């Protein structure tokens, strides 16, 4: 199974992983999952030949991408509920109990730097382009200033990296999270 396929400076980079049957998740602690994604995101960014400052951004984004799952809202929906030892993965999350809550939006508060916040906000796709549209923000996320900041962040980063360049960078964290999640 191809997990990551790109061309950097004229050279093709492909990361392959054997396809394994999908199993239901056992409970995985948030700290363990975050540490693993941090490591894999840094490895993917390094193997992609990215400069040090981008590797550091992926390292931080990997570490903080799911911190919003420590919220009691997410923990209760995931049958966790233990805020002292929050879980990141479980076999079932009751979406109706989330009431629109998106952990990515909460996770951005743990990070520093515009690029890191953007990577975290888009690692499941909901923050790209913004949190606007037909799906309402969760009651705990009604901060319109945060939404506006994400719109401006996206626009500035797209201008800096280009439409496809930014999408390519976003894919690195998405792939790292998916890669680790498949192993758990």
C-alpha atoms as a PDB file:
ATOM      1  CA  UNK A   1       0.000   0.000   0.000  1.00  0.00           C
ATOM      2  CA  UNK A   2       1.377   3.424  -0.941  1.00  0.00           C
ATOM      3  CA  UNK A   3       1.152   5.717   2.072  1.00  0.00           C
ATOM      4  CA  UNK A   4       3.138   8.641   0.706  1.00  0.00           C
ATOM      5  CA  UNK A   5       4.112   9.356  -2.912  1.00  0.00           C
ATOM      6  CA  UNK A   6       5.668  12.621  -4.050  1.00  0.00           C
ATOM      7  CA  UNK A   7       8.418  14.179  -6.123  1.00  0.00           C
ATOM      8  CA  UNK A   8      10.954  16.447  -4.432  1.00  0.00           C
ATOM      9  CA  UNK A   9      13.622  18.215  -6.463  1.00  0.00           C
ATOM     10  CA  UNK A  10      12.989  15.872  -9.370  1.00  0.00           C
ATOM     11  CA  UNK A  11      13.306  12.682  -7.302  1.00  0.00           C
ATOM     12  CA  UNK A  12      10.330  10.464  -6.558  1.00  0.00           C
ATOM     13  CA  UNK A  13       9.806   9.442  -2.940  1.00  0.00           C
ATOM     14  CA  UNK A  14       7.418   6.601  -2.204  1.00  0.00           C
ATOM     15  CA  UNK A  15       6.650   5.183   1.238  1.00  0.00           C
ATOM     16  CA  UNK A  16       5.075   1.740   1.090  1.00  0.00           C
ATOM     17  CA  UNK A  17       3.331  -0.172   3.817  1.00  0.00           C
ATOM     18  CA  UNK A  18       1.807  -3.637   3.568  1.00  0.00           C
ATOM     19  CA  UNK A  19      -1.974  -3.566   3.670  1.00  0.00           C
ATOM     20  CA  UNK A  20      -3.284  -5.139   6.833  1.00  0.00           C
ATOM     21  CA  UNK A  21      -6.897  -5.979   7.578  1.00  0.00           C
ATOM     22  CA  UNK A  22      -8.696  -3.133   9.347  1.00  0.00           C
ATOM     23  CA  UNK A  23      -9.164  -3.944  12.991  1.00  0.00           C
ATOM     24  CA  UNK A  24     -11.103  -2.062  15.576  1.00  0.00           C
ATOM     25  CA  UNK A  25      -8.963   0.127  17.766  1.00  0.00           C
ATOM     26  CA  UNK A  26      -8.044  -0.838  21.236  1.00  0.00           C
ATOM     27  CA  UNK A  27      -7.867   2.148  23.529  1.00  0.00           C
ATOM     28  CA  UNK A  28      -4.661   4.015  22.790  1.00  0.00           C
ATOM     29  CA  UNK A  29      -3.471   6.663  25.207  1.00  0.00           C
ATOM     30  CA  UNK A  30      -3.246  10.175  23.818  1.00  0.00           C
ATOM     31  CA  UNK A  31       0.332  10.581  25.046  1.00  0.00           C
ATOM     32  CA  UNK A  32       1.449   7.403  23.264  1.00  0.00           C
ATOM     33  CA  UNK A  33      -0.305   8.271  20.009  1.00  0.00           C
ATOM     34  CA  UNK A  34       1.032  11.838  20.014  1.00  0.00           C
ATOM     35  CA  UNK A  35       4.610  10.696  20.631  1.00  0.00           C
ATOM     36  CA  UNK A  36       4.402   8.206  17.773  1.00  0.00           C
ATOM     37  CA  UNK A  37       2.924  10.746  15.316  1.00  0.00           C
ATOM     38  CA  UNK A  38       5.566  13.285  16.385  1.00  0.00           C
ATOM     39  CA  UNK A  39       8.322  10.829  15.495  1.00  0.00           C
ATOM     40  CA  UNK A  40       6.810   9.642  12.202  1.00  0.00           C
ATOM     41  CA  UNK A  41       5.966  13.184  11.039  1.00  0.00           C
ATOM     42  CA  UNK A  42       9.576  14.224  11.647  1.00  0.00           C
ATOM     43  CA  UNK A  43      10.819  11.138   9.784  1.00  0.00           C
ATOM     44  CA  UNK A  44       8.524  11.765   6.798  1.00  0.00           C
ATOM     45  CA  UNK A  45       9.545  15.443   6.627  1.00  0.00           C
ATOM     46  CA  UNK A  46      13.226  14.506   6.861  1.00  0.00           C
ATOM     47  CA  UNK A  47      12.920  11.852   4.147  1.00  0.00           C
ATOM     48  CA  UNK A  48      11.115  14.392   1.963  1.00  0.00           C
ATOM     49  CA  UNK A  49      14.254  16.523   2.114  1.00  0.00           C
ATOM     50  CA  UNK A  50      12.568  19.468   3.795  1.00  0.00           C
ATOM     51  CA  UNK A  51      14.599  22.178   5.543  1.00  0.00           C
ATOM     52  CA  UNK A  52      15.156  22.086   9.297  1.00  0.00           C
ATOM     53  CA  UNK A  53      12.498  24.705  10.122  1.00  0.00           C
ATOM     54  CA  UNK A  54       9.825  22.654   8.356  1.00  0.00           C
ATOM     55  CA  UNK A  55      10.967  19.434  10.015  1.00  0.00           C
ATOM     56  CA  UNK A  56      10.651  21.215  13.370  1.00  0.00           C
ATOM     57  CA  UNK A  57       7.151  22.417  12.430  1.00  0.00           C
ATOM     58  CA  UNK A  58       6.100  18.840  11.632  1.00  0.00           C
ATOM     59  CA  UNK A  59       7.655  17.591  14.862  1.00  0.00           C
ATOM     60  CA  UNK A  60       5.628  20.085  16.893  1.00  0.00           C
ATOM     61  CA  UNK A  61       2.456  19.526  14.876  1.00  0.00           C
ATOM     62  CA  UNK A  62       2.759  15.762  15.359  1.00  0.00           C
ATOM     63  CA  UNK A  63       3.163  16.219  19.096  1.00  0.00           C
ATOM     64  CA  UNK A  64       0.131  18.494  19.474  1.00  0.00           C
ATOM     65  CA  UNK A  65      -2.205  17.435  16.647  1.00  0.00           C
ATOM     66  CA  UNK A  66      -4.677  15.610  18.918  1.00  0.00           C
ATOM     67  CA  UNK A  67      -4.402  17.531  22.213  1.00  0.00           C
ATOM     68  CA  UNK A  68      -8.022  18.637  21.770  1.00  0.00           C
ATOM     69  CA  UNK A  69      -9.020  15.022  22.371  1.00  0.00           C
ATOM     70  CA  UNK A  70      -8.146  15.569  26.037  1.00  0.00           C
ATOM     71  CA  UNK A  71     -11.328  17.642  26.260  1.00  0.00           C
ATOM     72  CA  UNK A  72     -13.997  16.034  28.436  1.00  0.00           C
ATOM     73  CA  UNK A  73     -16.395  16.356  25.477  1.00  0.00           C
ATOM     74  CA  UNK A  74     -14.248  14.091  23.293  1.00  0.00           C
ATOM     75  CA  UNK A  75     -13.299  11.724  26.112  1.00  0.00           C
ATOM     76  CA  UNK A  76     -16.913  11.092  27.078  1.00  0.00           C
ATOM     77  CA  UNK A  77     -17.904  10.558  23.438  1.00  0.00           C
ATOM     78  CA  UNK A  78     -15.057   8.070  23.097  1.00  0.00           C
ATOM     79  CA  UNK A  79     -16.000   6.215  26.278  1.00  0.00           C
ATOM     80  CA  UNK A  80     -12.798   7.456  27.847  1.00  0.00           C
ATOM     81  CA  UNK A  81     -13.745  10.058  30.361  1.00  0.00           C
ATOM     82  CA  UNK A  82     -10.412   9.917  32.210  1.00  0.00           C
ATOM     83  CA  UNK A  83      -8.937  13.369  31.651  1.00  0.00           C
ATOM     84  CA  UNK A  84      -5.804  12.382  33.630  1.00  0.00           C
ATOM     85  CA  UNK A  85      -5.041   9.578  31.141  1.00  0.00           C
ATOM     86  CA  UNK A  86      -6.946  10.603  28.003  1.00  0.00           C
ATOM     87  CA  UNK A  87      -7.265   8.244  25.072  1.00  0.00           C
ATOM     88  CA  UNK A  88      -6.645   9.108  21.427  1.00  0.00           C
ATOM     89  CA  UNK A  89      -8.070   6.015  19.767  1.00  0.00           C
ATOM     90  CA  UNK A  90     -10.890   3.687  20.625  1.00  0.00           C
ATOM     91  CA  UNK A  91     -13.158   1.333  18.731  1.00  0.00           C
ATOM     92  CA  UNK A  92     -16.126   3.697  18.913  1.00  0.00           C
ATOM     93  CA  UNK A  93     -16.766   7.417  19.224  1.00  0.00           C
ATOM     94  CA  UNK A  94     -20.372   8.544  19.707  1.00  0.00           C
ATOM     95  CA  UNK A  95     -20.519  11.438  17.229  1.00  0.00           C
ATOM     96  CA  UNK A  96     -23.846  12.687  18.560  1.00  0.00           C
ATOM     97  CA  UNK A  97     -22.210  13.308  21.948  1.00  0.00           C
ATOM     98  CA  UNK A  98     -19.582  15.466  20.242  1.00  0.00           C
ATOM     99  CA  UNK A  99     -22.326  17.905  19.158  1.00  0.00           C
ATOM    100  CA  UNK A 100     -20.071  19.259  16.392  1.00  0.00           C
ATOM    101  CA  UNK A 101     -16.929  19.389  18.543  1.00  0.00           C
ATOM    102  CA  UNK A 102     -13.756  19.155  16.419  1.00  0.00           C
ATOM    103  CA  UNK A 103     -10.616  18.236  18.320  1.00  0.00           C
ATOM    104  CA  UNK A 104      -8.406  19.884  15.673  1.00  0.00           C
ATOM    105  CA  UNK A 105      -9.826  23.307  16.506  1.00  0.00           C
ATOM    106  CA  UNK A 106      -9.053  22.793  20.191  1.00  0.00           C
ATOM    107  CA  UNK A 107      -5.641  21.287  19.458  1.00  0.00           C
ATOM    108  CA  UNK A 108      -4.483  24.436  17.661  1.00  0.00           C
ATOM    109  CA  UNK A 109      -4.472  26.261  21.014  1.00  0.00           C
ATOM    110  CA  UNK A 110      -1.612  24.020  22.210  1.00  0.00           C
ATOM    111  CA  UNK A 111       0.709  24.992  19.373  1.00  0.00           C
ATOM    112  CA  UNK A 112       2.841  27.965  18.466  1.00  0.00           C
ATOM    113  CA  UNK A 113       3.553  29.236  14.990  1.00  0.00           C
ATOM    114  CA  UNK A 114       1.202  29.776  12.098  1.00  0.00           C
ATOM    115  CA  UNK A 115       2.369  26.802  10.043  1.00  0.00           C
ATOM    116  CA  UNK A 116       2.135  24.409  12.990  1.00  0.00           C
ATOM    117  CA  UNK A 117      -1.370  25.618  13.839  1.00  0.00           C
ATOM    118  CA  UNK A 118      -2.394  25.211  10.214  1.00  0.00           C
ATOM    119  CA  UNK A 119      -1.044  21.648   9.993  1.00  0.00           C
ATOM    120  CA  UNK A 120      -2.962  20.748  13.139  1.00  0.00           C
ATOM    121  CA  UNK A 121      -6.150  22.441  11.952  1.00  0.00           C
ATOM    122  CA  UNK A 122      -6.202  20.588   8.651  1.00  0.00           C
ATOM    123  CA  UNK A 123      -4.946  17.131   9.619  1.00  0.00           C
ATOM    124  CA  UNK A 124      -8.449  15.704   9.075  1.00  0.00           C
ATOM    125  CA  UNK A 125      -9.423  18.227   6.416  1.00  0.00           C
ATOM    126  CA  UNK A 126     -12.006  20.259   8.332  1.00  0.00           C
ATOM    127  CA  UNK A 127      -9.818  23.347   8.744  1.00  0.00           C
ATOM    128  CA  UNK A 128      -9.088  23.584   5.045  1.00  0.00           C
ATOM    129  CA  UNK A 129     -10.205  26.145   3.951  1.00  0.00           C
ATOM    130  CA  UNK A 130     -11.981  27.188   7.158  1.00  0.00           C
ATOM    131  CA  UNK A 131     -14.530  26.134   9.736  1.00  0.00           C
ATOM    132  CA  UNK A 132     -17.276  27.934   7.890  1.00  0.00           C
ATOM    133  CA  UNK A 133     -20.043  26.493   5.801  1.00  0.00           C
ATOM    134  CA  UNK A 134     -23.096  24.407   6.547  1.00  0.00           C
ATOM    135  CA  UNK A 135     -21.663  22.536   9.549  1.00  0.00           C
ATOM    136  CA  UNK A 136     -21.983  24.643  12.692  1.00  0.00           C
ATOM    137  CA  UNK A 137     -19.122  25.046  15.086  1.00  0.00           C
ATOM    138  CA  UNK A 138     -19.482  23.154  18.317  1.00  0.00           C
ATOM    139  CA  UNK A 139     -20.901  25.210  21.192  1.00  0.00           C
ATOM    140  CA  UNK A 140     -17.452  25.328  22.819  1.00  0.00           C
ATOM    141  CA  UNK A 141     -15.924  26.614  19.577  1.00  0.00           C
ATOM    142  CA  UNK A 142     -18.088  29.624  18.834  1.00  0.00           C
ATOM    143  CA  UNK A 143     -15.086  31.947  18.869  1.00  0.00           C
ATOM    144  CA  UNK A 144     -15.498  33.734  15.540  1.00  0.00           C
ATOM    145  CA  UNK A 145     -12.089  35.394  16.007  1.00  0.00           C
ATOM    146  CA  UNK A 146     -10.470  31.940  15.880  1.00  0.00           C
ATOM    147  CA  UNK A 147     -12.314  31.158  12.674  1.00  0.00           C
ATOM    148  CA  UNK A 148     -11.199  34.453  11.154  1.00  0.00           C
ATOM    149  CA  UNK A 149      -7.600  33.771  12.247  1.00  0.00           C
ATOM    150  CA  UNK A 150      -7.716  30.403  10.456  1.00  0.00           C
ATOM    151  CA  UNK A 151      -8.977  32.077   7.274  1.00  0.00           C
ATOM    152  CA  UNK A 152      -6.120  34.598   7.374  1.00  0.00           C
ATOM    153  CA  UNK A 153      -3.588  31.889   8.296  1.00  0.00           C
ATOM    154  CA  UNK A 154      -4.632  29.752   5.335  1.00  0.00           C
ATOM    155  CA  UNK A 155      -4.456  32.701   2.929  1.00  0.00           C
ATOM    156  CA  UNK A 156      -1.002  33.769   4.125  1.00  0.00           C
ATOM    157  CA  UNK A 157       0.430  30.246   4.011  1.00  0.00           C
ATOM    158  CA  UNK A 158      -1.073  29.566   0.603  1.00  0.00           C
ATOM    159  CA  UNK A 159       0.546  32.763  -0.666  1.00  0.00           C
ATOM    160  CA  UNK A 160       3.894  31.695   0.830  1.00  0.00           C
ATOM    161  CA  UNK A 161       3.927  28.035  -0.267  1.00  0.00           C
ATOM    162  CA  UNK A 162       1.538  28.083  -3.226  1.00  0.00           C
ATOM    163  CA  UNK A 163      -1.722  26.187  -3.610  1.00  0.00           C
ATOM    164  CA  UNK A 164      -0.134  22.804  -4.292  1.00  0.00           C
ATOM    165  CA  UNK A 165       2.915  23.391  -2.110  1.00  0.00           C
ATOM    166  CA  UNK A 166       0.773  23.932   0.969  1.00  0.00           C
ATOM    167  CA  UNK A 167      -1.405  20.916   0.154  1.00  0.00           C
ATOM    168  CA  UNK A 168       1.768  18.812  -0.212  1.00  0.00           C
ATOM    169  CA  UNK A 169       3.030  19.924   3.198  1.00  0.00           C
ATOM    170  CA  UNK A 170      -0.371  19.281   4.808  1.00  0.00           C
ATOM    171  CA  UNK A 171      -0.300  15.740   3.445  1.00  0.00           C
ATOM    172  CA  UNK A 172       2.842  14.898   5.403  1.00  0.00           C
ATOM    173  CA  UNK A 173       1.139  15.233   8.798  1.00  0.00           C
ATOM    174  CA  UNK A 174      -2.027  13.544   7.505  1.00  0.00           C
ATOM    175  CA  UNK A 175       0.043  10.596   6.288  1.00  0.00           C
ATOM    176  CA  UNK A 176       2.018  10.383   9.537  1.00  0.00           C
ATOM    177  CA  UNK A 177      -1.197  10.304  11.587  1.00  0.00           C
ATOM    178  CA  UNK A 178      -2.781   7.698   9.314  1.00  0.00           C
ATOM    179  CA  UNK A 179       0.382   5.581   9.312  1.00  0.00           C
ATOM    180  CA  UNK A 180       0.594   5.520  13.111  1.00  0.00           C
ATOM    181  CA  UNK A 181      -3.162   5.005  13.512  1.00  0.00           C
ATOM    182  CA  UNK A 182      -3.103   1.985  11.230  1.00  0.00           C
ATOM    183  CA  UNK A 183      -0.420   0.377  13.404  1.00  0.00           C
ATOM    184  CA  UNK A 184      -2.286   0.967  16.664  1.00  0.00           C
END
